[in-house]
Amino acid sequence: MTTCVTHIGGPTALLEVDGWRLLTDPTFDPPGPPVQLRLGSSSRKLTGPAVAATDLGPVDAVLLSHDHHGDNLDSAGRALLPAAGAVLTTMAGTRRLGGNARGLQPWATTQLEAPGRPTIQITATPCRHGPPLSRPITGEVVGFALGWKGQAHGTLWITADTVLYDGVRQVADRLQVDTALLHLGCVRFPVTGPVRYSMTARGPSSCAGWSAPAPSSPSTTRAGPTSAKDALPSNRNSSTRQPTSASTSNGYPSAPASPSPGKHTSLGPGARCQNA
């Protein structure tokens, strides 16, 4: 089974799993004026998507971490939602979006099923998009852990926009994570000074189960997380493929690294994406 990740830009990635085509946080607007958020803060898009919405092809499901920030769901991305088979998002997002949206509380599960394809179980994972007590301002956010028959080493986890807190640490305690798409970047805004609204590159490494082991032979090395807010993949079982980041002598990334937008990243031993 081949799993491919195509980084389109920002938090947007296309996941292709044995016939399934899943899209994270659709953002397809061109660069333009700042997107207004809350408390007078804003986000400016500097680079357009590596794949145009018109070239994307069919989407079976959208994994939408939150619908209320324009840098996670913009106008062009919103226009794609009705054509998707399902939109998985927060409970609050479901009420706002209606239609084909399904709301998930943290640790709730749902399934994607279709003839001739593996059933994918999706577990919503906790997020907090800011400091303690900030949820009434920043709103609900949810991550996603994907599992299906044939996964050799664990789930594929999309952290979504979150700081490192106990809810995120629970993921490492409750799930065996093989590959993670990490939304990093240490987002801050002038109005709130040093307060962070997303993880730093060091954050995931402090989770139980994500710390680097003692040096081992190349055949048993398991690489830990690498990536950033730009939905960057990190495969913990990269001994039989080229890792997506620079590696130290024990196989662990020496620094976060990003696959080039528009390029395919193959996950799994010996896997190759079409046109990779």
C-alpha atoms as a PDB file:
ATOM      1  CA  MET A   1       0.000   0.000   0.000  1.00  0.00           C
ATOM      2  CA  THR A   2       1.307   3.446  -0.944  1.00  0.00           C
ATOM      3  CA  THR A   3       0.531   6.588   1.014  1.00  0.00           C
ATOM      4  CA  CYS A   4       1.462   9.891  -0.595  1.00  0.00           C
ATOM      5  CA  VAL A   5       1.460  13.406   0.817  1.00  0.00           C
ATOM      6  CA  THR A   6       1.480  16.424  -1.502  1.00  0.00           C
ATOM      7  CA  HIS A   7       2.162  19.680   0.318  1.00  0.00           C
ATOM      8  CA  ILE A   8       0.089  22.338  -1.446  1.00  0.00           C
ATOM      9  CA  GLY A   9       0.960  25.250   0.813  1.00  0.00           C
ATOM     10  CA  GLY A  10       0.378  26.559   4.332  1.00  0.00           C
ATOM     11  CA  PRO A  11      -1.709  23.987   6.237  1.00  0.00           C
ATOM     12  CA  THR A  12      -3.021  22.414   3.032  1.00  0.00           C
ATOM     13  CA  ALA A  13      -1.926  18.924   1.996  1.00  0.00           C
ATOM     14  CA  LEU A  14      -3.398  16.193  -0.165  1.00  0.00           C
ATOM     15  CA  LEU A  15      -3.219  12.708   1.363  1.00  0.00           C
ATOM     16  CA  GLU A  16      -3.616   9.765  -1.009  1.00  0.00           C
ATOM     17  CA  VAL A  17      -4.177   6.409   0.694  1.00  0.00           C
ATOM     18  CA  ASP A  18      -4.885   3.392  -1.525  1.00  0.00           C
ATOM     19  CA  GLY A  19      -7.565   5.138  -3.557  1.00  0.00           C
ATOM     20  CA  TRP A  20      -8.682   7.659  -0.932  1.00  0.00           C
ATOM     21  CA  ARG A  21      -7.992  11.361  -1.542  1.00  0.00           C
ATOM     22  CA  LEU A  22      -8.137  13.454   1.623  1.00  0.00           C
ATOM     23  CA  LEU A  23      -7.482  17.181   1.834  1.00  0.00           C
ATOM     24  CA  THR A  24      -6.399  19.099   4.927  1.00  0.00           C
ATOM     25  CA  ASP A  25      -7.409  22.713   5.671  1.00  0.00           C
ATOM     26  CA  PRO A  26      -8.157  23.975   2.124  1.00  0.00           C
ATOM     27  CA  THR A  27      -6.402  27.270   1.319  1.00  0.00           C
ATOM     28  CA  PHE A  28      -6.270  28.087  -2.398  1.00  0.00           C
ATOM     29  CA  ASP A  29      -6.568  31.870  -2.528  1.00  0.00           C
ATOM     30  CA  PRO A  30      -3.740  33.785  -4.228  1.00  0.00           C
ATOM     31  CA  PRO A  31      -1.527  36.073  -2.132  1.00  0.00           C
ATOM     32  CA  GLY A  32      -3.317  39.243  -1.201  1.00  0.00           C
ATOM     33  CA  PRO A  33      -4.365  41.560   1.612  1.00  0.00           C
ATOM     34  CA  PRO A  34      -4.005  40.410   5.233  1.00  0.00           C
ATOM     35  CA  VAL A  35      -6.620  37.995   6.526  1.00  0.00           C
ATOM     36  CA  GLN A  36      -8.200  39.505   9.623  1.00  0.00           C
ATOM     37  CA  LEU A  37      -8.317  37.165  12.608  1.00  0.00           C
ATOM     38  CA  ARG A  38      -9.296  38.311  16.120  1.00  0.00           C
ATOM     39  CA  LEU A  39      -8.150  40.956  18.623  1.00  0.00           C
ATOM     40  CA  GLY A  40      -6.876  43.079  15.759  1.00  0.00           C
ATOM     41  CA  SER A  41      -4.465  40.369  14.569  1.00  0.00           C
ATOM     42  CA  SER A  42      -4.030  39.302  10.952  1.00  0.00           C
ATOM     43  CA  SER A  43      -2.184  36.878   8.719  1.00  0.00           C
ATOM     44  CA  ARG A  44      -0.779  37.711   5.285  1.00  0.00           C
ATOM     45  CA  LYS A  45      -0.379  35.053   2.596  1.00  0.00           C
ATOM     46  CA  LEU A  46       2.856  35.503   0.668  1.00  0.00           C
ATOM     47  CA  THR A  47       2.825  32.503  -1.698  1.00  0.00           C
ATOM     48  CA  GLY A  48       0.042  30.963  -3.737  1.00  0.00           C
ATOM     49  CA  PRO A  49      -0.854  27.259  -3.695  1.00  0.00           C
ATOM     50  CA  ALA A  50       1.481  24.853  -5.486  1.00  0.00           C
ATOM     51  CA  VAL A  51      -1.582  23.093  -6.930  1.00  0.00           C
ATOM     52  CA  ALA A  52      -4.534  25.159  -8.148  1.00  0.00           C
ATOM     53  CA  ALA A  53      -7.982  24.237  -6.907  1.00  0.00           C
ATOM     54  CA  THR A  54      -9.029  23.575 -10.513  1.00  0.00           C
ATOM     55  CA  ASP A  55      -6.216  21.011 -10.869  1.00  0.00           C
ATOM     56  CA  LEU A  56      -6.848  19.227  -7.590  1.00  0.00           C
ATOM     57  CA  GLY A  57      -9.213  16.521  -8.801  1.00  0.00           C
ATOM     58  CA  PRO A  58     -11.896  14.793  -6.713  1.00  0.00           C
ATOM     59  CA  VAL A  59     -11.685  14.887  -2.925  1.00  0.00           C
ATOM     60  CA  ASP A  60     -13.296  12.164  -0.820  1.00  0.00           C
ATOM     61  CA  ALA A  61     -13.077  14.038   2.482  1.00  0.00           C
ATOM     62  CA  VAL A  62     -11.788  17.302   3.883  1.00  0.00           C
ATOM     63  CA  LEU A  63     -10.050  17.228   7.262  1.00  0.00           C
ATOM     64  CA  LEU A  64     -10.809  20.748   8.435  1.00  0.00           C
ATOM     65  CA  SER A  65      -9.158  21.603  11.751  1.00  0.00           C
ATOM     66  CA  HIS A  66     -11.189  24.813  12.063  1.00  0.00           C
ATOM     67  CA  ASP A  67     -13.320  26.897   9.750  1.00  0.00           C
ATOM     68  CA  HIS A  68     -13.191  30.300  11.428  1.00  0.00           C
ATOM     69  CA  HIS A  69      -9.632  31.422  10.538  1.00  0.00           C
ATOM     70  CA  GLY A  70      -9.023  32.501   6.964  1.00  0.00           C
ATOM     71  CA  ASP A  71      -5.517  31.050   6.906  1.00  0.00           C
ATOM     72  CA  ASN A  72      -6.987  27.558   7.402  1.00  0.00           C
ATOM     73  CA  LEU A  73     -10.089  27.915   5.243  1.00  0.00           C
ATOM     74  CA  ASP A  74     -10.105  30.709   2.705  1.00  0.00           C
ATOM     75  CA  SER A  75     -12.673  31.674   0.075  1.00  0.00           C
ATOM     76  CA  ALA A  76     -11.408  29.327  -2.634  1.00  0.00           C
ATOM     77  CA  GLY A  77     -11.078  26.512  -0.124  1.00  0.00           C
ATOM     78  CA  ARG A  78     -14.595  27.085   1.165  1.00  0.00           C
ATOM     79  CA  ALA A  79     -15.915  26.795  -2.389  1.00  0.00           C
ATOM     80  CA  LEU A  80     -14.503  23.240  -2.564  1.00  0.00           C
ATOM     81  CA  LEU A  81     -16.372  21.923   0.469  1.00  0.00           C
ATOM     82  CA  PRO A  82     -19.766  21.094  -1.117  1.00  0.00           C
ATOM     83  CA  ALA A  83     -18.095  18.809  -3.689  1.00  0.00           C
ATOM     84  CA  ALA A  84     -16.206  16.781  -1.078  1.00  0.00           C
ATOM     85  CA  GLY A  85     -17.698  13.521   0.105  1.00  0.00           C
ATOM     86  CA  ALA A  86     -17.504  14.673   3.719  1.00  0.00           C
ATOM     87  CA  VAL A  87     -16.064  17.525   5.766  1.00  0.00           C
ATOM     88  CA  LEU A  88     -14.755  16.471   9.172  1.00  0.00           C
ATOM     89  CA  THR A  89     -14.326  19.387  11.557  1.00  0.00           C
ATOM     90  CA  THR A  90     -15.171  20.749  15.003  1.00  0.00           C
ATOM     91  CA  MET A  91     -18.652  20.661  16.506  1.00  0.00           C
ATOM     92  CA  ALA A  92     -18.877  24.452  16.254  1.00  0.00           C
ATOM     93  CA  GLY A  93     -17.679  24.316  12.654  1.00  0.00           C
ATOM     94  CA  THR A  94     -20.397  21.825  11.759  1.00  0.00           C
ATOM     95  CA  ARG A  95     -23.061  24.212  13.012  1.00  0.00           C
ATOM     96  CA  ARG A  96     -21.602  27.047  10.947  1.00  0.00           C
ATOM     97  CA  LEU A  97     -20.990  25.038   7.769  1.00  0.00           C
ATOM     98  CA  GLY A  98     -23.982  22.693   7.681  1.00  0.00           C
ATOM     99  CA  GLY A  99     -24.311  20.547   4.575  1.00  0.00           C
ATOM    100  CA  ASN A 100     -21.868  17.623   4.457  1.00  0.00           C
ATOM    101  CA  ALA A 101     -19.953  18.629   7.606  1.00  0.00           C
ATOM    102  CA  ARG A 102     -19.499  16.133  10.451  1.00  0.00           C
ATOM    103  CA  GLY A 103     -18.512  17.430  13.863  1.00  0.00           C
ATOM    104  CA  LEU A 104     -16.085  15.568  16.102  1.00  0.00           C
ATOM    105  CA  GLN A 105     -15.291  16.129  19.747  1.00  0.00           C
ATOM    106  CA  PRO A 106     -11.713  15.319  20.846  1.00  0.00           C
ATOM    107  CA  TRP A 107     -11.226  11.531  20.971  1.00  0.00           C
ATOM    108  CA  ALA A 108     -14.428  10.856  19.040  1.00  0.00           C
ATOM    109  CA  THR A 109     -14.043   8.557  16.029  1.00  0.00           C
ATOM    110  CA  THR A 110     -15.676   8.152  12.645  1.00  0.00           C
ATOM    111  CA  GLN A 111     -14.991   6.023   9.592  1.00  0.00           C
ATOM    112  CA  LEU A 112     -14.604   6.532   5.866  1.00  0.00           C
ATOM    113  CA  GLU A 113     -15.865   3.492   3.944  1.00  0.00           C
ATOM    114  CA  ALA A 114     -16.093   2.700   0.234  1.00  0.00           C
ATOM    115  CA  PRO A 115     -16.075  -0.495  -1.851  1.00  0.00           C
ATOM    116  CA  GLY A 116     -12.604  -1.589  -2.907  1.00  0.00           C
ATOM    117  CA  ARG A 117     -10.819   0.701  -0.477  1.00  0.00           C
ATOM    118  CA  PRO A 118      -9.527   0.189   3.050  1.00  0.00           C
ATOM    119  CA  THR A 119     -11.769   1.559   5.779  1.00  0.00           C
ATOM    120  CA  ILE A 120     -10.088   4.561   7.378  1.00  0.00           C
ATOM    121  CA  GLN A 121     -10.775   5.210  11.041  1.00  0.00           C
ATOM    122  CA  ILE A 122     -10.378   8.851  11.976  1.00  0.00           C
ATOM    123  CA  THR A 123      -9.918   9.914  15.584  1.00  0.00           C
ATOM    124  CA  ALA A 124     -10.240  13.576  16.531  1.00  0.00           C
ATOM    125  CA  THR A 125      -7.281  14.726  18.636  1.00  0.00           C
ATOM    126  CA  PRO A 126      -7.194  17.598  21.140  1.00  0.00           C
ATOM    127  CA  CYS A 127      -5.952  21.077  20.235  1.00  0.00           C
ATOM    128  CA  ARG A 128      -5.635  24.400  22.018  1.00  0.00           C
ATOM    129  CA  HIS A 129      -4.824  27.257  19.649  1.00  0.00           C
ATOM    130  CA  GLY A 130      -3.285  29.518  22.270  1.00  0.00           C
ATOM    131  CA  PRO A 131      -2.489  29.911  25.962  1.00  0.00           C
ATOM    132  CA  PRO A 132      -4.691  28.612  28.808  1.00  0.00           C
ATOM    133  CA  LEU A 133      -8.233  30.055  28.810  1.00  0.00           C
ATOM    134  CA  SER A 134      -7.839  31.322  25.228  1.00  0.00           C
ATOM    135  CA  ARG A 135     -10.382  28.969  23.626  1.00  0.00           C
ATOM    136  CA  PRO A 136     -13.319  31.438  23.868  1.00  0.00           C
ATOM    137  CA  ILE A 137     -11.216  33.831  21.770  1.00  0.00           C
ATOM    138  CA  THR A 138      -9.319  31.498  19.437  1.00  0.00           C
ATOM    139  CA  GLY A 139     -12.195  29.049  18.999  1.00  0.00           C
ATOM    140  CA  GLU A 140     -12.385  25.276  18.711  1.00  0.00           C
ATOM    141  CA  VAL A 141      -9.693  23.396  16.796  1.00  0.00           C
ATOM    142  CA  VAL A 142      -9.319  19.667  16.245  1.00  0.00           C
ATOM    143  CA  GLY A 143      -6.559  17.423  14.929  1.00  0.00           C
ATOM    144  CA  PHE A 144      -6.911  14.050  13.234  1.00  0.00           C
ATOM    145  CA  ALA A 145      -5.317  10.617  13.637  1.00  0.00           C
ATOM    146  CA  LEU A 146      -5.865   8.248  10.714  1.00  0.00           C
ATOM    147  CA  GLY A 147      -5.660   4.474  10.899  1.00  0.00           C
ATOM    148  CA  TRP A 148      -6.350   1.719   8.364  1.00  0.00           C
ATOM    149  CA  LYS A 149      -5.629  -1.965   7.840  1.00  0.00           C
ATOM    150  CA  GLY A 150      -2.083  -2.569   6.698  1.00  0.00           C
ATOM    151  CA  GLN A 151      -0.399   0.253   8.610  1.00  0.00           C
ATOM    152  CA  ALA A 152       2.816  -1.340   9.794  1.00  0.00           C
ATOM    153  CA  HIS A 153       3.928   1.029  12.531  1.00  0.00           C
ATOM    154  CA  GLY A 154       1.027   3.202  13.666  1.00  0.00           C
ATOM    155  CA  THR A 155      -1.293   6.044  12.764  1.00  0.00           C
ATOM    156  CA  LEU A 156      -0.856   9.136  10.626  1.00  0.00           C
ATOM    157  CA  TRP A 157      -1.434  12.161  12.864  1.00  0.00           C
ATOM    158  CA  ILE A 158      -2.276  15.705  11.762  1.00  0.00           C
ATOM    159  CA  THR A 159      -1.672  17.928  14.779  1.00  0.00           C
ATOM    160  CA  ALA A 160      -3.520  20.995  13.420  1.00  0.00           C
ATOM    161  CA  ASP A 161      -2.909  24.420  14.972  1.00  0.00           C
ATOM    162  CA  THR A 162      -2.160  23.917  18.644  1.00  0.00           C
ATOM    163  CA  VAL A 163       0.314  24.765  21.336  1.00  0.00           C
ATOM    164  CA  LEU A 164       2.013  21.999  23.275  1.00  0.00           C
ATOM    165  CA  TYR A 165      -0.171  21.166  26.286  1.00  0.00           C
ATOM    166  CA  ASP A 166      -1.501  18.103  28.095  1.00  0.00           C
ATOM    167  CA  GLY A 167      -4.061  17.359  25.378  1.00  0.00           C
ATOM    168  CA  VAL A 168      -1.318  17.034  22.766  1.00  0.00           C
ATOM    169  CA  ARG A 169       0.818  14.922  25.082  1.00  0.00           C
ATOM    170  CA  GLN A 170      -2.123  12.541  25.468  1.00  0.00           C
ATOM    171  CA  VAL A 171      -1.850  11.662  21.794  1.00  0.00           C
ATOM    172  CA  ALA A 172       1.600  10.169  22.324  1.00  0.00           C
ATOM    173  CA  ASP A 173       0.290   8.309  25.372  1.00  0.00           C
ATOM    174  CA  ARG A 174      -2.872   6.927  23.755  1.00  0.00           C
ATOM    175  CA  LEU A 175      -1.864   6.340  20.134  1.00  0.00           C
ATOM    176  CA  GLN A 176       1.074   4.749  18.364  1.00  0.00           C
ATOM    177  CA  VAL A 177       2.058   7.457  15.904  1.00  0.00           C
ATOM    178  CA  ASP A 178       4.171   6.534  12.894  1.00  0.00           C
ATOM    179  CA  THR A 179       3.873   9.665  10.751  1.00  0.00           C
ATOM    180  CA  ALA A 180       2.923  13.188  11.798  1.00  0.00           C
ATOM    181  CA  LEU A 181       2.012  16.297   9.855  1.00  0.00           C
ATOM    182  CA  LEU A 182       3.017  18.974  12.317  1.00  0.00           C
ATOM    183  CA  HIS A 183       1.624  22.499  12.294  1.00  0.00           C
ATOM    184  CA  LEU A 184       4.438  24.508  13.835  1.00  0.00           C
ATOM    185  CA  GLY A 185       5.719  28.050  13.497  1.00  0.00           C
ATOM    186  CA  CYS A 186       5.519  29.613  16.970  1.00  0.00           C
ATOM    187  CA  VAL A 187       2.762  32.004  15.875  1.00  0.00           C
ATOM    188  CA  ARG A 188       2.645  35.248  17.850  1.00  0.00           C
ATOM    189  CA  PHE A 189       0.912  38.604  17.452  1.00  0.00           C
ATOM    190  CA  PRO A 190       2.017  42.093  18.505  1.00  0.00           C
ATOM    191  CA  VAL A 191      -1.163  42.664  20.496  1.00  0.00           C
ATOM    192  CA  THR A 192      -0.399  39.726  22.844  1.00  0.00           C
ATOM    193  CA  GLY A 193       3.392  39.988  22.954  1.00  0.00           C
ATOM    194  CA  PRO A 194       5.302  36.743  23.606  1.00  0.00           C
ATOM    195  CA  VAL A 195       2.192  34.551  23.907  1.00  0.00           C
ATOM    196  CA  ARG A 196       2.309  31.648  21.446  1.00  0.00           C
ATOM    197  CA  TYR A 197      -0.555  30.267  19.393  1.00  0.00           C
ATOM    198  CA  SER A 198       1.187  27.269  17.829  1.00  0.00           C
ATOM    199  CA  MET A 199       4.036  24.894  18.633  1.00  0.00           C
ATOM    200  CA  THR A 200       7.707  25.473  18.091  1.00  0.00           C
ATOM    201  CA  ALA A 201       9.833  22.887  16.305  1.00  0.00           C
ATOM    202  CA  ARG A 202      11.005  21.607  19.684  1.00  0.00           C
ATOM    203  CA  GLY A 203       7.520  21.072  21.062  1.00  0.00           C
ATOM    204  CA  PRO A 204       6.690  17.593  19.725  1.00  0.00           C
ATOM    205  CA  SER A 205      10.028  16.144  20.839  1.00  0.00           C
ATOM    206  CA  SER A 206       9.022  16.661  24.466  1.00  0.00           C
ATOM    207  CA  CYS A 207       6.032  14.330  24.074  1.00  0.00           C
ATOM    208  CA  ALA A 208       6.387  10.846  25.504  1.00  0.00           C
ATOM    209  CA  GLY A 209       7.342   8.423  22.752  1.00  0.00           C
ATOM    210  CA  TRP A 210       8.815  11.101  20.488  1.00  0.00           C
ATOM    211  CA  SER A 211      12.207  11.456  22.124  1.00  0.00           C
ATOM    212  CA  ALA A 212      15.176  10.125  20.202  1.00  0.00           C
ATOM    213  CA  PRO A 213      16.435   6.697  21.278  1.00  0.00           C
ATOM    214  CA  ALA A 214      20.014   5.639  21.770  1.00  0.00           C
ATOM    215  CA  PRO A 215      22.005   5.337  18.518  1.00  0.00           C
ATOM    216  CA  SER A 216      21.061   2.218  16.579  1.00  0.00           C
ATOM    217  CA  SER A 217      21.876   0.545  13.307  1.00  0.00           C
ATOM    218  CA  PRO A 218      20.369   2.061  10.137  1.00  0.00           C
ATOM    219  CA  SER A 219      18.023  -0.906   9.767  1.00  0.00           C
ATOM    220  CA  THR A 220      16.281  -0.152  13.068  1.00  0.00           C
ATOM    221  CA  THR A 221      16.484   3.629  13.199  1.00  0.00           C
ATOM    222  CA  ARG A 222      13.140   5.357  13.683  1.00  0.00           C
ATOM    223  CA  ALA A 223      13.061   9.025  12.799  1.00  0.00           C
ATOM    224  CA  GLY A 224      11.051  11.400  14.974  1.00  0.00           C
ATOM    225  CA  PRO A 225       8.961  14.404  13.947  1.00  0.00           C
ATOM    226  CA  THR A 226      10.154  17.126  11.579  1.00  0.00           C
ATOM    227  CA  SER A 227       7.861  19.730   9.942  1.00  0.00           C
ATOM    228  CA  ALA A 228       6.005  23.018  10.444  1.00  0.00           C
ATOM    229  CA  LYS A 229       2.699  24.905  10.175  1.00  0.00           C
ATOM    230  CA  ASP A 230       3.115  24.188   6.498  1.00  0.00           C
ATOM    231  CA  ALA A 231       1.780  20.658   7.046  1.00  0.00           C
ATOM    232  CA  LEU A 232       5.145  18.970   6.804  1.00  0.00           C
ATOM    233  CA  PRO A 233       5.453  15.181   7.004  1.00  0.00           C
ATOM    234  CA  SER A 234       7.691  13.278   9.376  1.00  0.00           C
ATOM    235  CA  ASN A 235       7.965   9.512   9.166  1.00  0.00           C
ATOM    236  CA  ARG A 236       9.161   7.622  12.207  1.00  0.00           C
ATOM    237  CA  ASN A 237      10.038   4.521  10.220  1.00  0.00           C
ATOM    238  CA  SER A 238      12.326   5.940   7.578  1.00  0.00           C
ATOM    239  CA  SER A 239      15.040   3.292   7.658  1.00  0.00           C
ATOM    240  CA  THR A 240      14.180   2.026   4.171  1.00  0.00           C
ATOM    241  CA  ARG A 241      13.640   5.353   2.449  1.00  0.00           C
ATOM    242  CA  GLN A 242      15.224   8.743   2.258  1.00  0.00           C
ATOM    243  CA  PRO A 243      14.118  10.758   5.310  1.00  0.00           C
ATOM    244  CA  THR A 244      12.310  14.036   4.753  1.00  0.00           C
ATOM    245  CA  SER A 245      14.815  15.885   6.908  1.00  0.00           C
ATOM    246  CA  ALA A 246      18.477  16.085   7.681  1.00  0.00           C
ATOM    247  CA  SER A 247      19.543  13.225   9.948  1.00  0.00           C
ATOM    248  CA  THR A 248      22.036  12.863  12.712  1.00  0.00           C
ATOM    249  CA  SER A 249      24.173   9.782  13.224  1.00  0.00           C
ATOM    250  CA  ASN A 250      21.309   7.984  14.947  1.00  0.00           C
ATOM    251  CA  GLY A 251      18.859   8.721  12.148  1.00  0.00           C
ATOM    252  CA  TYR A 252      16.972  11.540  13.883  1.00  0.00           C
ATOM    253  CA  PRO A 253      16.399  14.870  12.189  1.00  0.00           C
ATOM    254  CA  SER A 254      19.011  17.449  13.046  1.00  0.00           C
ATOM    255  CA  ALA A 255      16.636  20.274  12.091  1.00  0.00           C
ATOM    256  CA  PRO A 256      13.054  20.703  10.839  1.00  0.00           C
ATOM    257  CA  ALA A 257      12.723  20.356   7.078  1.00  0.00           C
ATOM    258  CA  SER A 258       9.959  20.927   4.575  1.00  0.00           C
ATOM    259  CA  PRO A 259       9.184  19.034   1.381  1.00  0.00           C
ATOM    260  CA  SER A 260       8.871  21.350  -1.608  1.00  0.00           C
ATOM    261  CA  PRO A 261       5.287  22.484  -2.196  1.00  0.00           C
ATOM    262  CA  GLY A 262       3.698  20.549  -5.038  1.00  0.00           C
ATOM    263  CA  LYS A 263       6.066  17.595  -4.674  1.00  0.00           C
ATOM    264  CA  HIS A 264       4.948  14.148  -3.547  1.00  0.00           C
ATOM    265  CA  THR A 265       6.318  12.534  -0.399  1.00  0.00           C
ATOM    266  CA  SER A 266       6.027   8.739  -0.188  1.00  0.00           C
ATOM    267  CA  LEU A 267       5.371   7.162   3.192  1.00  0.00           C
ATOM    268  CA  GLY A 268       6.145   3.560   4.051  1.00  0.00           C
ATOM    269  CA  PRO A 269       8.944   1.108   3.255  1.00  0.00           C
ATOM    270  CA  GLY A 270       9.814   1.137  -0.432  1.00  0.00           C
ATOM    271  CA  ALA A 271       6.793   3.264  -1.338  1.00  0.00           C
ATOM    272  CA  ARG A 272       6.842   5.530  -4.368  1.00  0.00           C
ATOM    273  CA  CYS A 273       4.120   7.961  -5.362  1.00  0.00           C
ATOM    274  CA  GLN A 274       3.008   8.252  -8.942  1.00  0.00           C
ATOM    275  CA  ASN A 275       4.939  11.141 -10.562  1.00  0.00           C
ATOM    276  CA  ALA A 276       7.062  11.463  -7.384  1.00  0.00           C
END
